[in-house]
């Protein structure tokens, strides 16, 4: 499966939840202390809230309140169309929050006006730590832009490489298929496991997966994912934001990463609620 070229990112732009405690920093017996990291995921609904009104000020406030070091975003428009005022939401939010950004388009369409920017939609990662490298991986997708789609490899599974206080961290962000038929999600899970396994070239690499999986934790198609990853349990539902009835948004961690606490933020800035988690990263 092909990868988009890995390039360093140079775009620099970014206590919620009283019960969300900072990760303990007690030194493990016979080893260096673990490194704390606060991480979040948020489907931003192309900048619109539960009321379907585009309001980036509202989403900026919701993201800022998370106090997260790293944030995975889904449904990110970049010059897509008028629903998001043809803006680059990935860069706009990064600039507002003073964070680095990596954007991984799922769709990249020709501009409406010759010479204009491409119309793109996908996922993004915001980070307080410099992005040392990024990849836009392909996974199986059923296109929403094709009137007669068939499952096929397509981009939009984003990865960034960070170094958090000396610890190498690979953060992935995804948006799995929304349809009731789980077959495409099952294929996407298989792709995800294969890609993440291939990217972990050292036992010191720490891996974190963020995203909107469009399935609840007990869904059969997600079961293979939990063989390698542990989902943080925020103890609350995430969708729809006004009256959540299911948990479909995840922070999931791999070997050497511990979840200390997790929560769902109560906000109507999108049609989803964000999940935020306090983690610790083992140094070795």
C-alpha atoms as a PDB file:
ATOM      1  CA  UNK A   1       0.000   0.000   0.000  1.00  0.00           C
ATOM      2  CA  UNK A   2       1.420   3.340  -0.957  1.00  0.00           C
ATOM      3  CA  UNK A   3       2.259   6.157   1.416  1.00  0.00           C
ATOM      4  CA  UNK A   4       2.309   9.839   0.801  1.00  0.00           C
ATOM      5  CA  UNK A   5       5.820  11.206   1.159  1.00  0.00           C
ATOM      6  CA  UNK A   6       7.033  11.629   4.735  1.00  0.00           C
ATOM      7  CA  UNK A   7       8.006  15.249   5.309  1.00  0.00           C
ATOM      8  CA  UNK A   8       8.788  17.334   8.377  1.00  0.00           C
ATOM      9  CA  UNK A   9       6.062  19.800   9.264  1.00  0.00           C
ATOM     10  CA  UNK A  10       6.950  23.448   9.730  1.00  0.00           C
ATOM     11  CA  UNK A  11       3.513  24.908  10.356  1.00  0.00           C
ATOM     12  CA  UNK A  12       3.475  26.499  13.778  1.00  0.00           C
ATOM     13  CA  UNK A  13       0.417  28.140  14.678  1.00  0.00           C
ATOM     14  CA  UNK A  14      -2.245  26.311  20.113  1.00  0.00           C
ATOM     15  CA  UNK A  15      -8.014  22.363  33.945  1.00  0.00           C
ATOM     16  CA  UNK A  16     -10.672  21.221  31.790  1.00  0.00           C
ATOM     17  CA  UNK A  17     -12.581  18.688  33.825  1.00  0.00           C
ATOM     18  CA  UNK A  18     -11.879  19.090  37.486  1.00  0.00           C
ATOM     19  CA  UNK A  19     -11.825  15.333  37.935  1.00  0.00           C
ATOM     20  CA  UNK A  20      -9.162  14.788  35.291  1.00  0.00           C
ATOM     21  CA  UNK A  21      -5.950  14.542  37.232  1.00  0.00           C
ATOM     22  CA  UNK A  22      -2.481  15.021  35.849  1.00  0.00           C
ATOM     23  CA  UNK A  23      -0.670  11.770  35.194  1.00  0.00           C
ATOM     24  CA  UNK A  24       1.438  10.564  38.130  1.00  0.00           C
ATOM     25  CA  UNK A  25       5.149  11.102  37.744  1.00  0.00           C
ATOM     26  CA  UNK A  26       6.404   8.750  40.402  1.00  0.00           C
ATOM     27  CA  UNK A  27       9.545   7.013  39.263  1.00  0.00           C
ATOM     28  CA  UNK A  28       9.096   3.387  38.326  1.00  0.00           C
ATOM     29  CA  UNK A  29      11.218   1.034  40.407  1.00  0.00           C
ATOM     30  CA  UNK A  30      14.684   0.799  38.910  1.00  0.00           C
ATOM     31  CA  UNK A  31      13.904   3.067  35.940  1.00  0.00           C
ATOM     32  CA  UNK A  32      13.385   6.669  34.852  1.00  0.00           C
ATOM     33  CA  UNK A  33      10.034   8.321  35.593  1.00  0.00           C
ATOM     34  CA  UNK A  34       7.334   8.121  32.908  1.00  0.00           C
ATOM     35  CA  UNK A  35       6.468  11.175  30.819  1.00  0.00           C
ATOM     36  CA  UNK A  36       2.976  12.704  31.179  1.00  0.00           C
ATOM     37  CA  UNK A  37       0.930  13.566  28.082  1.00  0.00           C
ATOM     38  CA  UNK A  38      -2.587  14.950  27.794  1.00  0.00           C
ATOM     39  CA  UNK A  39      -4.222  13.965  24.526  1.00  0.00           C
ATOM     40  CA  UNK A  40      -7.657  14.460  22.982  1.00  0.00           C
ATOM     41  CA  UNK A  41      -9.803  13.613  19.983  1.00  0.00           C
ATOM     42  CA  UNK A  42     -12.600  15.721  18.498  1.00  0.00           C
ATOM     43  CA  UNK A  43     -14.800  15.398  15.422  1.00  0.00           C
ATOM     44  CA  UNK A  44     -15.298  19.091  14.603  1.00  0.00           C
ATOM     45  CA  UNK A  45     -18.154  18.689  12.088  1.00  0.00           C
ATOM     46  CA  UNK A  46     -16.433  21.050   9.611  1.00  0.00           C
ATOM     47  CA  UNK A  47     -16.552  23.883  12.132  1.00  0.00           C
ATOM     48  CA  UNK A  48     -20.286  23.708  12.865  1.00  0.00           C
ATOM     49  CA  UNK A  49     -21.986  23.047  16.160  1.00  0.00           C
ATOM     50  CA  UNK A  50     -24.955  20.936  17.130  1.00  0.00           C
ATOM     51  CA  UNK A  51     -27.059  23.806  15.774  1.00  0.00           C
ATOM     52  CA  UNK A  52     -25.376  23.464  12.339  1.00  0.00           C
ATOM     53  CA  UNK A  53     -24.048  27.010  12.623  1.00  0.00           C
ATOM     54  CA  UNK A  54     -20.418  27.491  11.569  1.00  0.00           C
ATOM     55  CA  UNK A  55     -18.589  29.089  14.497  1.00  0.00           C
ATOM     56  CA  UNK A  56     -14.842  28.593  14.747  1.00  0.00           C
ATOM     57  CA  UNK A  57     -14.640  30.859  17.816  1.00  0.00           C
ATOM     58  CA  UNK A  58     -16.827  28.377  19.657  1.00  0.00           C
ATOM     59  CA  UNK A  59     -14.677  25.425  18.588  1.00  0.00           C
ATOM     60  CA  UNK A  60     -11.484  27.243  19.490  1.00  0.00           C
ATOM     61  CA  UNK A  61     -12.851  27.775  23.007  1.00  0.00           C
ATOM     62  CA  UNK A  62     -13.845  24.098  23.282  1.00  0.00           C
ATOM     63  CA  UNK A  63     -10.397  22.953  22.170  1.00  0.00           C
ATOM     64  CA  UNK A  64      -8.572  25.408  24.397  1.00  0.00           C
ATOM     65  CA  UNK A  65     -10.552  24.197  27.417  1.00  0.00           C
ATOM     66  CA  UNK A  66      -9.153  20.684  26.935  1.00  0.00           C
ATOM     67  CA  UNK A  67      -5.610  21.848  27.835  1.00  0.00           C
ATOM     68  CA  UNK A  68      -4.340  19.041  25.621  1.00  0.00           C
ATOM     69  CA  UNK A  69      -0.795  18.622  24.356  1.00  0.00           C
ATOM     70  CA  UNK A  70      -1.948  16.742  21.256  1.00  0.00           C
ATOM     71  CA  UNK A  71      -5.385  16.745  19.593  1.00  0.00           C
ATOM     72  CA  UNK A  72      -6.709  14.566  16.783  1.00  0.00           C
ATOM     73  CA  UNK A  73      -9.401  16.184  14.623  1.00  0.00           C
ATOM     74  CA  UNK A  74     -11.865  14.628  12.192  1.00  0.00           C
ATOM     75  CA  UNK A  75     -14.144  16.194   9.547  1.00  0.00           C
ATOM     76  CA  UNK A  76     -11.657  18.947   8.829  1.00  0.00           C
ATOM     77  CA  UNK A  77     -12.340  21.182   5.809  1.00  0.00           C
ATOM     78  CA  UNK A  78      -9.492  22.891   3.964  1.00  0.00           C
ATOM     79  CA  UNK A  79     -10.914  25.294   1.339  1.00  0.00           C
ATOM     80  CA  UNK A  80     -13.741  22.773   0.905  1.00  0.00           C
ATOM     81  CA  UNK A  81     -16.771  24.994   0.243  1.00  0.00           C
ATOM     82  CA  UNK A  82     -19.068  27.632   1.715  1.00  0.00           C
ATOM     83  CA  UNK A  83     -20.181  25.471   4.656  1.00  0.00           C
ATOM     84  CA  UNK A  84     -16.851  26.338   6.297  1.00  0.00           C
ATOM     85  CA  UNK A  85     -16.418  29.690   4.527  1.00  0.00           C
ATOM     86  CA  UNK A  86     -13.799  28.105   2.229  1.00  0.00           C
ATOM     87  CA  UNK A  87     -11.301  28.368   5.066  1.00  0.00           C
ATOM     88  CA  UNK A  88      -8.354  26.172   6.003  1.00  0.00           C
ATOM     89  CA  UNK A  89      -9.706  24.893   9.313  1.00  0.00           C
ATOM     90  CA  UNK A  90      -6.579  22.896  10.165  1.00  0.00           C
ATOM     91  CA  UNK A  91      -4.298  25.936   9.892  1.00  0.00           C
ATOM     92  CA  UNK A  92      -6.859  28.349  11.378  1.00  0.00           C
ATOM     93  CA  UNK A  93      -7.284  26.284  14.547  1.00  0.00           C
ATOM     94  CA  UNK A  94      -3.547  25.645  14.853  1.00  0.00           C
ATOM     95  CA  UNK A  95      -2.816  29.361  14.493  1.00  0.00           C
ATOM     96  CA  UNK A  96      -5.409  30.263  17.110  1.00  0.00           C
ATOM     97  CA  UNK A  97      -4.104  27.704  19.598  1.00  0.00           C
ATOM     98  CA  UNK A  98      -0.405  28.212  18.895  1.00  0.00           C
ATOM     99  CA  UNK A  99       0.139  24.579  17.931  1.00  0.00           C
ATOM    100  CA  UNK A 100       1.902  22.683  15.175  1.00  0.00           C
ATOM    101  CA  UNK A 101      -0.392  20.990  12.657  1.00  0.00           C
ATOM    102  CA  UNK A 102      -0.364  18.090  10.228  1.00  0.00           C
ATOM    103  CA  UNK A 103      -3.322  17.664   7.867  1.00  0.00           C
ATOM    104  CA  UNK A 104      -4.106  14.381   6.085  1.00  0.00           C
ATOM    105  CA  UNK A 105      -6.761  14.762   3.382  1.00  0.00           C
ATOM    106  CA  UNK A 106      -9.171  11.981   2.569  1.00  0.00           C
ATOM    107  CA  UNK A 107     -10.390  13.884  -0.489  1.00  0.00           C
ATOM    108  CA  UNK A 108      -8.382  16.377  -2.524  1.00  0.00           C
ATOM    109  CA  UNK A 109     -10.423  17.823  -5.372  1.00  0.00           C
ATOM    110  CA  UNK A 110      -9.612  20.307  -8.098  1.00  0.00           C
ATOM    111  CA  UNK A 111     -10.236  23.965  -7.218  1.00  0.00           C
ATOM    112  CA  UNK A 112     -13.489  25.603  -8.244  1.00  0.00           C
ATOM    113  CA  UNK A 113     -11.574  28.518  -9.762  1.00  0.00           C
ATOM    114  CA  UNK A 114      -8.451  27.925 -11.829  1.00  0.00           C
ATOM    115  CA  UNK A 115      -5.387  28.781  -9.798  1.00  0.00           C
ATOM    116  CA  UNK A 116      -7.265  28.537  -6.510  1.00  0.00           C
ATOM    117  CA  UNK A 117      -6.480  26.139  -3.650  1.00  0.00           C
ATOM    118  CA  UNK A 118      -7.529  22.506  -3.866  1.00  0.00           C
ATOM    119  CA  UNK A 119     -10.718  21.538  -2.061  1.00  0.00           C
ATOM    120  CA  UNK A 120      -9.739  19.132   0.705  1.00  0.00           C
ATOM    121  CA  UNK A 121     -11.412  17.269   3.546  1.00  0.00           C
ATOM    122  CA  UNK A 122      -9.865  14.936   6.066  1.00  0.00           C
ATOM    123  CA  UNK A 123      -8.243  14.584   9.470  1.00  0.00           C
ATOM    124  CA  UNK A 124      -5.604  16.578  11.327  1.00  0.00           C
ATOM    125  CA  UNK A 125      -3.329  16.469  14.344  1.00  0.00           C
ATOM    126  CA  UNK A 126      -2.514  19.520  16.450  1.00  0.00           C
ATOM    127  CA  UNK A 127       0.547  19.289  18.682  1.00  0.00           C
ATOM    128  CA  UNK A 128       2.411  21.458  21.173  1.00  0.00           C
ATOM    129  CA  UNK A 129       5.488  19.402  20.280  1.00  0.00           C
ATOM    130  CA  UNK A 130       7.212  19.872  16.917  1.00  0.00           C
ATOM    131  CA  UNK A 131       6.146  17.384  14.258  1.00  0.00           C
ATOM    132  CA  UNK A 132       9.260  15.470  13.226  1.00  0.00           C
ATOM    133  CA  UNK A 133       7.599  13.608  10.376  1.00  0.00           C
ATOM    134  CA  UNK A 134       4.169  12.875   8.937  1.00  0.00           C
ATOM    135  CA  UNK A 135       2.520  10.284   6.705  1.00  0.00           C
ATOM    136  CA  UNK A 136      -0.904  10.144   5.078  1.00  0.00           C
ATOM    137  CA  UNK A 137      -1.567   6.404   4.916  1.00  0.00           C
ATOM    138  CA  UNK A 138      -4.125   4.724   2.705  1.00  0.00           C
ATOM    139  CA  UNK A 139      -6.813   2.472   4.170  1.00  0.00           C
ATOM    140  CA  UNK A 140      -9.892   0.896   2.641  1.00  0.00           C
ATOM    141  CA  UNK A 141     -12.646   3.441   1.980  1.00  0.00           C
ATOM    142  CA  UNK A 142     -16.044   3.639   0.335  1.00  0.00           C
ATOM    143  CA  UNK A 143     -15.972   7.090  -1.218  1.00  0.00           C
ATOM    144  CA  UNK A 144     -18.721   9.626  -0.560  1.00  0.00           C
ATOM    145  CA  UNK A 145     -17.654  11.513  -3.703  1.00  0.00           C
ATOM    146  CA  UNK A 146     -18.312   8.650  -6.131  1.00  0.00           C
ATOM    147  CA  UNK A 147     -21.938   7.895  -7.104  1.00  0.00           C
ATOM    148  CA  UNK A 148     -21.074   4.186  -7.453  1.00  0.00           C
ATOM    149  CA  UNK A 149     -18.338   3.566  -4.925  1.00  0.00           C
ATOM    150  CA  UNK A 150     -16.543   0.301  -4.294  1.00  0.00           C
ATOM    151  CA  UNK A 151     -14.171  -0.372  -1.393  1.00  0.00           C
ATOM    152  CA  UNK A 152     -10.693   0.742  -2.410  1.00  0.00           C
ATOM    153  CA  UNK A 153      -7.509   2.108  -0.816  1.00  0.00           C
ATOM    154  CA  UNK A 154      -7.660   5.856  -0.208  1.00  0.00           C
ATOM    155  CA  UNK A 155      -5.720   8.289   1.983  1.00  0.00           C
ATOM    156  CA  UNK A 156      -6.791   9.944   5.205  1.00  0.00           C
ATOM    157  CA  UNK A 157      -5.190   7.828   7.937  1.00  0.00           C
ATOM    158  CA  UNK A 158      -2.836  10.417   9.376  1.00  0.00           C
ATOM    159  CA  UNK A 159       0.311   9.778  11.383  1.00  0.00           C
ATOM    160  CA  UNK A 160       2.772  12.146  13.025  1.00  0.00           C
ATOM    161  CA  UNK A 161       6.074  11.416  14.722  1.00  0.00           C
ATOM    162  CA  UNK A 162       6.736  13.388  17.891  1.00  0.00           C
ATOM    163  CA  UNK A 163       9.383  13.351  20.558  1.00  0.00           C
ATOM    164  CA  UNK A 164       7.827  14.053  23.948  1.00  0.00           C
ATOM    165  CA  UNK A 165      10.570  14.840  26.456  1.00  0.00           C
ATOM    166  CA  UNK A 166      12.840  12.383  24.750  1.00  0.00           C
ATOM    167  CA  UNK A 167      10.253   9.647  24.176  1.00  0.00           C
ATOM    168  CA  UNK A 168       9.444   8.808  20.513  1.00  0.00           C
ATOM    169  CA  UNK A 169       5.679   8.852  19.987  1.00  0.00           C
ATOM    170  CA  UNK A 170       3.662   7.941  16.909  1.00  0.00           C
ATOM    171  CA  UNK A 171       0.191   9.498  16.953  1.00  0.00           C
ATOM    172  CA  UNK A 172      -2.379   8.277  14.425  1.00  0.00           C
ATOM    173  CA  UNK A 173      -5.749   9.859  13.633  1.00  0.00           C
ATOM    174  CA  UNK A 174      -8.582   8.171  11.773  1.00  0.00           C
ATOM    175  CA  UNK A 175     -12.227   8.452  10.770  1.00  0.00           C
ATOM    176  CA  UNK A 176     -13.799   5.076  10.101  1.00  0.00           C
ATOM    177  CA  UNK A 177     -16.752   4.382   7.820  1.00  0.00           C
ATOM    178  CA  UNK A 178     -20.146   5.542   9.087  1.00  0.00           C
ATOM    179  CA  UNK A 179     -22.426   3.056   7.328  1.00  0.00           C
ATOM    180  CA  UNK A 180     -24.468   0.463   9.211  1.00  0.00           C
ATOM    181  CA  UNK A 181     -22.815  -2.373   7.264  1.00  0.00           C
ATOM    182  CA  UNK A 182     -19.614  -3.031   9.253  1.00  0.00           C
ATOM    183  CA  UNK A 183     -17.659  -4.632   6.399  1.00  0.00           C
ATOM    184  CA  UNK A 184     -15.734  -1.506   5.396  1.00  0.00           C
ATOM    185  CA  UNK A 185     -14.926  -0.709   9.035  1.00  0.00           C
ATOM    186  CA  UNK A 186     -13.667  -4.279   9.471  1.00  0.00           C
ATOM    187  CA  UNK A 187     -11.352  -3.809   6.482  1.00  0.00           C
ATOM    188  CA  UNK A 188     -10.214  -0.454   7.878  1.00  0.00           C
ATOM    189  CA  UNK A 189      -9.394  -2.052  11.226  1.00  0.00           C
ATOM    190  CA  UNK A 190      -7.297  -4.691   9.464  1.00  0.00           C
ATOM    191  CA  UNK A 191      -5.484  -1.959   7.524  1.00  0.00           C
ATOM    192  CA  UNK A 192      -4.947   0.049  10.713  1.00  0.00           C
ATOM    193  CA  UNK A 193      -3.389  -2.889  12.571  1.00  0.00           C
ATOM    194  CA  UNK A 194      -1.087  -3.696   9.659  1.00  0.00           C
ATOM    195  CA  UNK A 195       0.059  -0.102   9.221  1.00  0.00           C
ATOM    196  CA  UNK A 196       0.643   0.535  12.906  1.00  0.00           C
ATOM    197  CA  UNK A 197       2.598  -2.695  13.279  1.00  0.00           C
ATOM    198  CA  UNK A 198       4.761  -1.739  10.304  1.00  0.00           C
ATOM    199  CA  UNK A 199       5.438   1.743  11.633  1.00  0.00           C
ATOM    200  CA  UNK A 200       6.633   0.510  15.042  1.00  0.00           C
ATOM    201  CA  UNK A 201      10.224  -0.214  14.146  1.00  0.00           C
ATOM    202  CA  UNK A 202      11.601   0.013  17.693  1.00  0.00           C
ATOM    203  CA  UNK A 203      10.302  -1.323  21.020  1.00  0.00           C
ATOM    204  CA  UNK A 204      10.807   2.203  22.354  1.00  0.00           C
ATOM    205  CA  UNK A 205       8.198   3.635  19.952  1.00  0.00           C
ATOM    206  CA  UNK A 206       4.979   4.600  21.734  1.00  0.00           C
ATOM    207  CA  UNK A 207       1.771   4.492  19.697  1.00  0.00           C
ATOM    208  CA  UNK A 208      -1.548   6.279  20.213  1.00  0.00           C
ATOM    209  CA  UNK A 209      -4.632   6.056  17.992  1.00  0.00           C
ATOM    210  CA  UNK A 210      -7.245   8.821  17.991  1.00  0.00           C
ATOM    211  CA  UNK A 211     -10.471   9.099  16.086  1.00  0.00           C
ATOM    212  CA  UNK A 212     -14.123   8.729  15.338  1.00  0.00           C
ATOM    213  CA  UNK A 213     -14.578   4.981  14.810  1.00  0.00           C
ATOM    214  CA  UNK A 214     -18.353   5.136  14.136  1.00  0.00           C
ATOM    215  CA  UNK A 215     -18.778   2.006  16.254  1.00  0.00           C
ATOM    216  CA  UNK A 216     -19.169   1.321  19.952  1.00  0.00           C
ATOM    217  CA  UNK A 217     -16.447  -0.432  21.980  1.00  0.00           C
ATOM    218  CA  UNK A 218     -18.115  -3.846  21.847  1.00  0.00           C
ATOM    219  CA  UNK A 219     -18.688  -3.840  18.082  1.00  0.00           C
ATOM    220  CA  UNK A 220     -17.306  -7.076  16.558  1.00  0.00           C
ATOM    221  CA  UNK A 221     -15.411  -5.215  13.849  1.00  0.00           C
ATOM    222  CA  UNK A 222     -13.376  -3.339  16.495  1.00  0.00           C
ATOM    223  CA  UNK A 223     -12.463  -6.458  18.491  1.00  0.00           C
ATOM    224  CA  UNK A 224      -9.203  -7.137  16.579  1.00  0.00           C
ATOM    225  CA  UNK A 225      -8.032  -3.600  17.349  1.00  0.00           C
ATOM    226  CA  UNK A 226      -8.232  -4.225  21.097  1.00  0.00           C
ATOM    227  CA  UNK A 227      -5.692  -7.052  20.788  1.00  0.00           C
ATOM    228  CA  UNK A 228      -2.920  -4.449  20.520  1.00  0.00           C
ATOM    229  CA  UNK A 229      -4.539  -1.284  21.834  1.00  0.00           C
ATOM    230  CA  UNK A 230      -6.318  -0.284  25.049  1.00  0.00           C
ATOM    231  CA  UNK A 231      -9.126   2.257  24.719  1.00  0.00           C
ATOM    232  CA  UNK A 232      -9.359   4.913  27.402  1.00  0.00           C
ATOM    233  CA  UNK A 233     -12.745   4.679  29.107  1.00  0.00           C
ATOM    234  CA  UNK A 234     -14.147   8.165  29.783  1.00  0.00           C
ATOM    235  CA  UNK A 235     -17.274   6.747  31.414  1.00  0.00           C
ATOM    236  CA  UNK A 236     -19.598   8.737  29.160  1.00  0.00           C
ATOM    237  CA  UNK A 237     -21.066   8.768  25.668  1.00  0.00           C
ATOM    238  CA  UNK A 238     -19.824  11.074  22.905  1.00  0.00           C
ATOM    239  CA  UNK A 239     -22.536  11.260  20.229  1.00  0.00           C
ATOM    240  CA  UNK A 240     -24.767  13.118  19.493  1.00  0.00           C
ATOM    241  CA  UNK A 241     -23.466  16.043  21.520  1.00  0.00           C
ATOM    242  CA  UNK A 242     -26.858  17.361  22.654  1.00  0.00           C
ATOM    243  CA  UNK A 243     -27.944  14.041  24.161  1.00  0.00           C
ATOM    244  CA  UNK A 244     -25.237  11.399  23.744  1.00  0.00           C
ATOM    245  CA  UNK A 245     -26.416   7.808  23.486  1.00  0.00           C
ATOM    246  CA  UNK A 246     -23.282   6.052  22.232  1.00  0.00           C
ATOM    247  CA  UNK A 247     -19.519   6.141  22.543  1.00  0.00           C
ATOM    248  CA  UNK A 248     -17.849   6.218  19.130  1.00  0.00           C
ATOM    249  CA  UNK A 249     -14.882   8.582  19.708  1.00  0.00           C
ATOM    250  CA  UNK A 250     -11.657   7.115  21.063  1.00  0.00           C
ATOM    251  CA  UNK A 251      -8.238   7.591  22.560  1.00  0.00           C
ATOM    252  CA  UNK A 252      -6.519   4.185  22.357  1.00  0.00           C
ATOM    253  CA  UNK A 253      -2.975   3.420  23.475  1.00  0.00           C
ATOM    254  CA  UNK A 254      -0.377   0.795  22.711  1.00  0.00           C
ATOM    255  CA  UNK A 255       2.414  -0.889  24.622  1.00  0.00           C
ATOM    256  CA  UNK A 256       4.334   1.349  27.010  1.00  0.00           C
ATOM    257  CA  UNK A 257       1.529   3.900  27.352  1.00  0.00           C
ATOM    258  CA  UNK A 258      -0.705   4.009  30.428  1.00  0.00           C
ATOM    259  CA  UNK A 259      -4.094   5.728  30.737  1.00  0.00           C
ATOM    260  CA  UNK A 260      -4.528   7.443  34.087  1.00  0.00           C
ATOM    261  CA  UNK A 261      -7.844   9.184  33.533  1.00  0.00           C
ATOM    262  CA  UNK A 262     -10.234  10.134  30.747  1.00  0.00           C
ATOM    263  CA  UNK A 263     -13.332  12.272  30.376  1.00  0.00           C
ATOM    264  CA  UNK A 264     -15.835  13.574  27.853  1.00  0.00           C
ATOM    265  CA  UNK A 265     -16.198  17.365  27.684  1.00  0.00           C
ATOM    266  CA  UNK A 266     -19.740  18.706  27.665  1.00  0.00           C
ATOM    267  CA  UNK A 267     -19.910  21.084  24.718  1.00  0.00           C
ATOM    268  CA  UNK A 268     -22.237  21.690  21.773  1.00  0.00           C
ATOM    269  CA  UNK A 269     -19.511  23.249  19.596  1.00  0.00           C
ATOM    270  CA  UNK A 270     -19.787  20.188  17.294  1.00  0.00           C
ATOM    271  CA  UNK A 271     -22.230  17.320  16.860  1.00  0.00           C
ATOM    272  CA  UNK A 272     -19.723  15.127  18.772  1.00  0.00           C
ATOM    273  CA  UNK A 273     -18.227  15.655  22.210  1.00  0.00           C
ATOM    274  CA  UNK A 274     -14.457  15.562  22.613  1.00  0.00           C
ATOM    275  CA  UNK A 275     -12.619  12.898  24.607  1.00  0.00           C
ATOM    276  CA  UNK A 276      -9.544  13.898  26.614  1.00  0.00           C
ATOM    277  CA  UNK A 277      -7.179  11.577  28.466  1.00  0.00           C
ATOM    278  CA  UNK A 278      -4.161  11.872  30.737  1.00  0.00           C
ATOM    279  CA  UNK A 279      -1.471   9.370  29.790  1.00  0.00           C
ATOM    280  CA  UNK A 280       2.036   8.475  30.829  1.00  0.00           C
ATOM    281  CA  UNK A 281       4.721   7.260  28.451  1.00  0.00           C
ATOM    282  CA  UNK A 282       7.275   4.718  29.623  1.00  0.00           C
ATOM    283  CA  UNK A 283      10.787   5.763  28.697  1.00  0.00           C
ATOM    284  CA  UNK A 284      11.966   2.237  27.980  1.00  0.00           C
END
